[in-house]
Amino acid sequence: MAGVNLKIDGVEIEAPVGENLMQAATRAGVRVPGLCQLDGLSVVGACRLCMVEIAGTPRPRPACATPVGESMDVHTDTPRLREHRRVLLEMLFAEGQHICAACVASGACELQNLAAELGVDHVNFTPPPTRLEMDLSHPRFGYDPSRCVLCTRCVRACAEVEGAFTWGVAGRGRETHLVADLGVPWGEAESCTSCGKCVSACPVGALFEKGTSVGERRVTRALVSTLTARRDRESHREVLK
């Protein structure tokens, strides 16, 4: 397979054509933070936490949605990028009601881990005064819109892996929220197969399994990538027949 040569944080690497900068950085042992990216799902570039600087490019680019290029000189950790990520994290915290001490995902939350990693210990923006109503209509799972970061990983896992297309996004601005079957309570969504893939894909405590209390949510986020890798192997075998 043809490859391109580039540098990431001063390290020269070779990457296959078509790979994105986040994938190339991961293979090179460089971690680029992000919330919306999940192996096995399509790329949307929604969270903008994975922005990187490329020499000769005036603005940072999302690593998950930028393909590798010959002779690229990429920087993933600069003062400008660190400040950008800290502000974005503060805004994500302020958009909802992320009280870690009262969340089922505390200790297993990607947003919480990023805040600790980047030194975000307070928020300079004013969060909404009231919590949004939870949807507990599903017999197994619950949805807390006040904790949702709109990464759409659940939407893509439901559509691209399970093929149910239950979840969607509605509204604008601070009114944006997830909807099941175009607006019915989750428990009434006829398309839902109760597979739990959306719950496993959620990086925070927005989607959770009922019966879990504070700090008890533990999910296998590799479920999606494992299933898609298996699907791709089977598709490859069919092509070879």
Protein backbone atom coordinates (compact mmCIF):
# COMPACT_ATOMS: atom_id res chain seq x y z
CA MET A 1 0.00 0.00 0.00
CA ALA A 2 1.28 3.44 -0.91
CA GLY A 3 2.32 5.64 1.95
CA VAL A 4 3.23 9.23 2.72
CA ASN A 5 5.98 10.59 4.92
CA LEU A 6 5.21 13.21 7.53
CA LYS A 7 6.26 14.47 10.94
CA ILE A 8 4.12 14.46 14.07
CA ASP A 9 5.58 16.38 17.01
CA GLY A 10 9.00 16.11 15.43
CA VAL A 11 8.83 12.34 14.86
CA GLU A 12 9.09 11.20 11.25
CA ILE A 13 6.58 8.51 10.37
CA GLU A 14 5.12 6.81 7.31
CA ALA A 15 1.35 6.51 7.02
CA PRO A 16 -0.86 4.83 4.41
CA VAL A 17 -2.76 7.04 2.00
CA GLY A 18 -6.28 7.64 3.29
CA GLU A 19 -5.41 7.47 6.97
CA ASN A 20 -6.30 10.51 9.05
CA LEU A 21 -3.96 12.41 11.34
CA MET A 22 -5.50 11.01 14.52
CA GLN A 23 -4.95 7.44 13.35
CA ALA A 24 -1.39 8.24 12.29
CA ALA A 25 -0.65 9.94 15.61
CA THR A 26 -2.04 6.98 17.56
CA ARG A 27 0.17 4.56 15.64
CA ALA A 28 3.14 6.82 16.39
CA GLY A 29 2.36 6.73 20.11
CA VAL A 30 1.05 10.31 20.22
CA ARG A 31 -2.30 10.75 21.92
CA VAL A 32 -4.62 13.38 20.47
CA PRO A 33 -7.61 14.10 22.76
CA GLY A 34 -11.13 13.85 21.41
CA LEU A 35 -14.70 12.94 22.36
CA CYS A 36 -16.62 12.34 19.14
CA GLN A 37 -14.17 9.93 17.51
CA LEU A 38 -14.64 6.20 18.14
CA ASP A 39 -12.93 3.43 16.21
CA GLY A 40 -15.38 1.70 13.91
CA LEU A 41 -17.65 4.72 13.43
CA SER A 42 -17.71 7.36 10.71
CA VAL A 43 -15.96 10.68 11.29
CA VAL A 44 -17.99 13.83 12.05
CA GLY A 45 -15.44 16.19 13.66
CA ALA A 46 -18.06 17.44 16.11
CA CYS A 47 -16.15 18.07 19.33
CA ARG A 48 -13.16 19.98 17.85
CA LEU A 49 -10.96 18.82 20.74
CA CYS A 50 -8.57 17.01 18.39
CA MET A 51 -7.48 20.18 16.58
CA VAL A 52 -3.81 20.14 15.54
CA GLU A 53 -1.52 22.69 13.95
CA ILE A 54 0.02 22.01 10.55
CA ALA A 55 3.00 24.05 9.39
CA GLY A 56 1.97 26.36 6.56
CA THR A 57 -1.73 26.18 7.43
CA PRO A 58 -3.21 29.33 9.01
CA ARG A 59 -5.83 27.61 11.17
CA PRO A 60 -5.79 24.40 13.25
CA ARG A 61 -7.40 21.37 11.65
CA PRO A 62 -9.35 18.48 13.21
CA ALA A 63 -7.03 15.47 13.34
CA CYS A 64 -9.89 12.99 13.01
CA ALA A 65 -11.10 14.52 9.72
CA THR A 66 -7.81 15.56 8.11
CA PRO A 67 -6.09 12.99 5.88
CA VAL A 68 -2.35 12.58 6.06
CA GLY A 69 -0.32 14.35 3.41
CA GLU A 70 3.23 14.14 2.11
CA SER A 71 5.75 16.22 4.11
CA MET A 72 3.18 17.43 6.64
CA ASP A 73 4.68 18.89 9.79
CA VAL A 74 2.03 18.36 12.47
CA HIS A 75 2.02 19.65 16.06
CA THR A 76 -0.50 18.17 18.48
CA ASP A 77 0.47 19.88 21.75
CA THR A 78 1.19 23.61 21.72
CA PRO A 79 0.20 26.40 24.15
CA ARG A 80 -2.41 27.59 21.64
CA LEU A 81 -3.94 24.12 21.33
CA ARG A 82 -3.91 23.50 25.08
CA GLU A 83 -5.79 26.76 25.69
CA HIS A 84 -8.22 25.94 22.89
CA ARG A 85 -8.99 22.54 24.45
CA ARG A 86 -9.37 23.95 27.95
CA VAL A 87 -11.90 26.54 26.75
CA LEU A 88 -13.83 23.90 24.79
CA LEU A 89 -13.97 21.63 27.83
CA GLU A 90 -15.23 24.48 30.00
CA MET A 91 -17.95 25.17 27.44
CA LEU A 92 -18.94 21.49 27.37
CA PHE A 93 -19.22 21.44 31.15
CA ALA A 94 -21.24 24.67 31.11
CA GLU A 95 -23.64 23.42 28.42
CA GLY A 96 -25.11 20.83 30.80
CA GLN A 97 -25.22 19.75 34.41
CA HIS A 98 -21.99 17.76 34.77
CA ILE A 99 -21.74 17.19 38.51
CA CYS A 100 -19.18 14.39 38.60
CA ALA A 101 -19.78 13.55 42.26
CA ALA A 102 -23.37 12.62 41.43
CA CYS A 103 -22.87 10.91 38.06
CA VAL A 104 -23.08 7.20 37.27
CA ALA A 105 -20.08 7.58 34.93
CA SER A 106 -17.74 9.20 37.48
CA GLY A 107 -14.38 7.46 37.19
CA ALA A 108 -15.19 6.11 33.74
CA CYS A 109 -16.06 9.36 31.94
CA GLU A 110 -14.00 10.60 29.02
CA LEU A 111 -15.01 14.23 29.65
CA GLN A 112 -13.93 13.95 33.28
CA ASN A 113 -10.64 12.33 32.30
CA LEU A 114 -9.89 15.06 29.75
CA ALA A 115 -10.61 17.77 32.32
CA ALA A 116 -8.14 16.18 34.73
CA GLU A 117 -5.56 15.76 31.96
CA LEU A 118 -5.80 19.37 30.80
CA GLY A 119 -6.10 20.94 34.24
CA VAL A 120 -9.69 22.14 33.97
CA ASP A 121 -10.67 22.41 37.64
CA HIS A 122 -13.28 25.17 37.32
CA VAL A 123 -15.64 26.61 34.71
CA ASN A 124 -15.71 30.28 33.74
CA PHE A 125 -19.09 30.02 32.00
CA THR A 126 -22.51 29.94 33.60
CA PRO A 127 -24.29 26.56 33.29
CA PRO A 128 -28.06 26.36 32.76
CA PRO A 129 -30.02 26.94 35.99
CA THR A 130 -32.15 23.80 35.76
CA ARG A 131 -31.68 20.21 34.71
CA LEU A 132 -33.50 18.75 31.74
CA GLU A 133 -35.93 15.92 32.35
CA MET A 134 -34.47 12.44 32.03
CA ASP A 135 -36.04 9.82 29.78
CA LEU A 136 -36.42 6.65 31.86
CA SER A 137 -39.12 5.08 29.70
CA HIS A 138 -36.86 2.31 28.38
CA PRO A 139 -36.98 -0.87 30.49
CA ARG A 140 -33.18 -1.29 30.52
CA PHE A 141 -31.60 2.09 29.86
CA GLY A 142 -31.94 5.78 30.64
CA TYR A 143 -31.08 9.02 28.87
CA ASP A 144 -30.00 12.15 30.76
CA PRO A 145 -29.90 15.08 28.29
CA SER A 146 -28.24 17.31 30.90
CA ARG A 147 -25.09 15.20 30.59
CA CYS A 148 -25.10 14.82 26.80
CA VAL A 149 -22.16 16.43 24.92
CA LEU A 150 -23.74 15.84 21.47
CA CYS A 151 -20.80 13.81 20.21
CA THR A 152 -23.34 11.70 18.21
CA ARG A 153 -21.41 8.51 18.89
CA CYS A 154 -24.67 6.87 19.98
CA VAL A 155 -26.42 8.02 16.79
CA ARG A 156 -23.69 6.59 14.60
CA ALA A 157 -23.37 3.34 16.57
CA CYS A 158 -27.13 2.77 16.29
CA ALA A 159 -27.20 3.53 12.56
CA GLU A 160 -23.88 2.18 11.31
CA VAL A 161 -23.37 -0.87 13.53
CA GLU A 162 -26.83 -2.01 14.68
CA GLY A 163 -28.66 -0.63 11.65
CA ALA A 164 -31.67 0.43 13.73
CA PHE A 165 -31.48 4.21 13.11
CA THR A 166 -33.32 4.88 16.38
CA TRP A 167 -31.39 7.95 17.51
CA GLY A 168 -31.30 11.35 15.85
CA VAL A 169 -30.58 14.97 16.75
CA ALA A 170 -33.19 17.73 16.92
CA GLY A 171 -33.27 21.39 17.91
CA ARG A 172 -30.77 24.23 17.56
CA GLY A 173 -28.24 25.88 19.87
CA ARG A 174 -28.77 25.06 23.53
CA GLU A 175 -32.04 23.37 22.57
CA THR A 176 -30.22 20.65 20.61
CA HIS A 177 -30.92 17.20 21.99
CA LEU A 178 -31.18 13.53 21.09
CA VAL A 179 -34.50 12.13 19.92
CA ALA A 180 -35.65 8.53 19.50
CA ASP A 181 -37.77 7.66 16.47
CA LEU A 182 -38.25 11.33 15.57
CA GLY A 183 -39.49 12.37 19.00
CA VAL A 184 -41.12 9.59 21.01
CA PRO A 185 -39.94 8.47 24.47
CA TRP A 186 -37.09 5.98 24.14
CA GLY A 187 -39.19 3.16 25.59
CA GLU A 188 -41.78 3.66 22.84
CA ALA A 189 -39.28 3.63 19.96
CA GLU A 190 -40.31 0.68 17.82
CA SER A 191 -36.98 0.67 15.97
CA CYS A 192 -34.91 0.17 19.15
CA THR A 193 -33.54 -3.37 19.51
CA SER A 194 -32.30 -2.80 23.11
CA CYS A 195 -28.83 -3.91 21.98
CA GLY A 196 -27.00 -1.37 24.17
CA LYS A 197 -24.50 -0.31 21.52
CA CYS A 198 -25.46 3.35 21.97
CA VAL A 199 -24.86 3.05 25.71
CA SER A 200 -21.45 1.45 25.19
CA ALA A 201 -20.47 4.23 22.78
CA CYS A 202 -21.44 7.11 25.08
CA PRO A 203 -18.30 8.83 26.45
CA VAL A 204 -20.11 10.40 29.43
CA GLY A 205 -23.08 9.59 31.65
CA ALA A 206 -25.82 10.64 29.24
CA LEU A 207 -26.80 7.08 28.30
CA PHE A 208 -26.66 4.57 31.11
CA GLU A 209 -27.96 1.21 32.24
CA LYS A 210 -30.64 1.32 34.86
CA GLY A 211 -29.70 0.06 38.29
CA THR A 212 -26.28 1.72 38.34
CA SER A 213 -25.57 4.29 41.02
CA VAL A 214 -22.92 7.01 41.34
CA GLY A 215 -19.57 5.91 39.92
CA GLU A 216 -20.80 2.43 38.92
CA ARG A 217 -21.14 2.84 35.16
CA ARG A 218 -18.61 0.66 33.38
CA VAL A 219 -18.92 0.07 29.66
CA THR A 220 -16.91 -1.75 27.03
CA ARG A 221 -16.26 1.04 24.53
CA ALA A 222 -14.27 -1.40 22.40
CA LEU A 223 -17.54 -3.19 21.59
CA VAL A 224 -18.20 -1.06 18.51
CA SER A 225 -14.69 -1.36 17.09
CA THR A 226 -14.67 -5.12 17.76
CA LEU A 227 -17.97 -5.61 15.93
CA THR A 228 -17.00 -3.44 12.97
CA ALA A 229 -13.61 -5.14 12.65
CA ARG A 230 -15.37 -8.51 12.56
CA ARG A 231 -17.83 -7.19 9.97
CA ASP A 232 -14.99 -5.87 7.80
CA ARG A 233 -13.16 -9.22 7.97
CA GLU A 234 -16.29 -11.08 6.90
CA SER A 235 -16.88 -8.63 4.05
CA HIS A 236 -13.29 -9.11 2.92
CA ARG A 237 -13.77 -12.90 2.89
CA GLU A 238 -16.89 -12.51 0.74
CA VAL A 239 -14.95 -10.42 -1.76
CA LEU A 240 -12.22 -13.05 -1.97
CA LYS A 241 -14.68 -15.87 -2.70
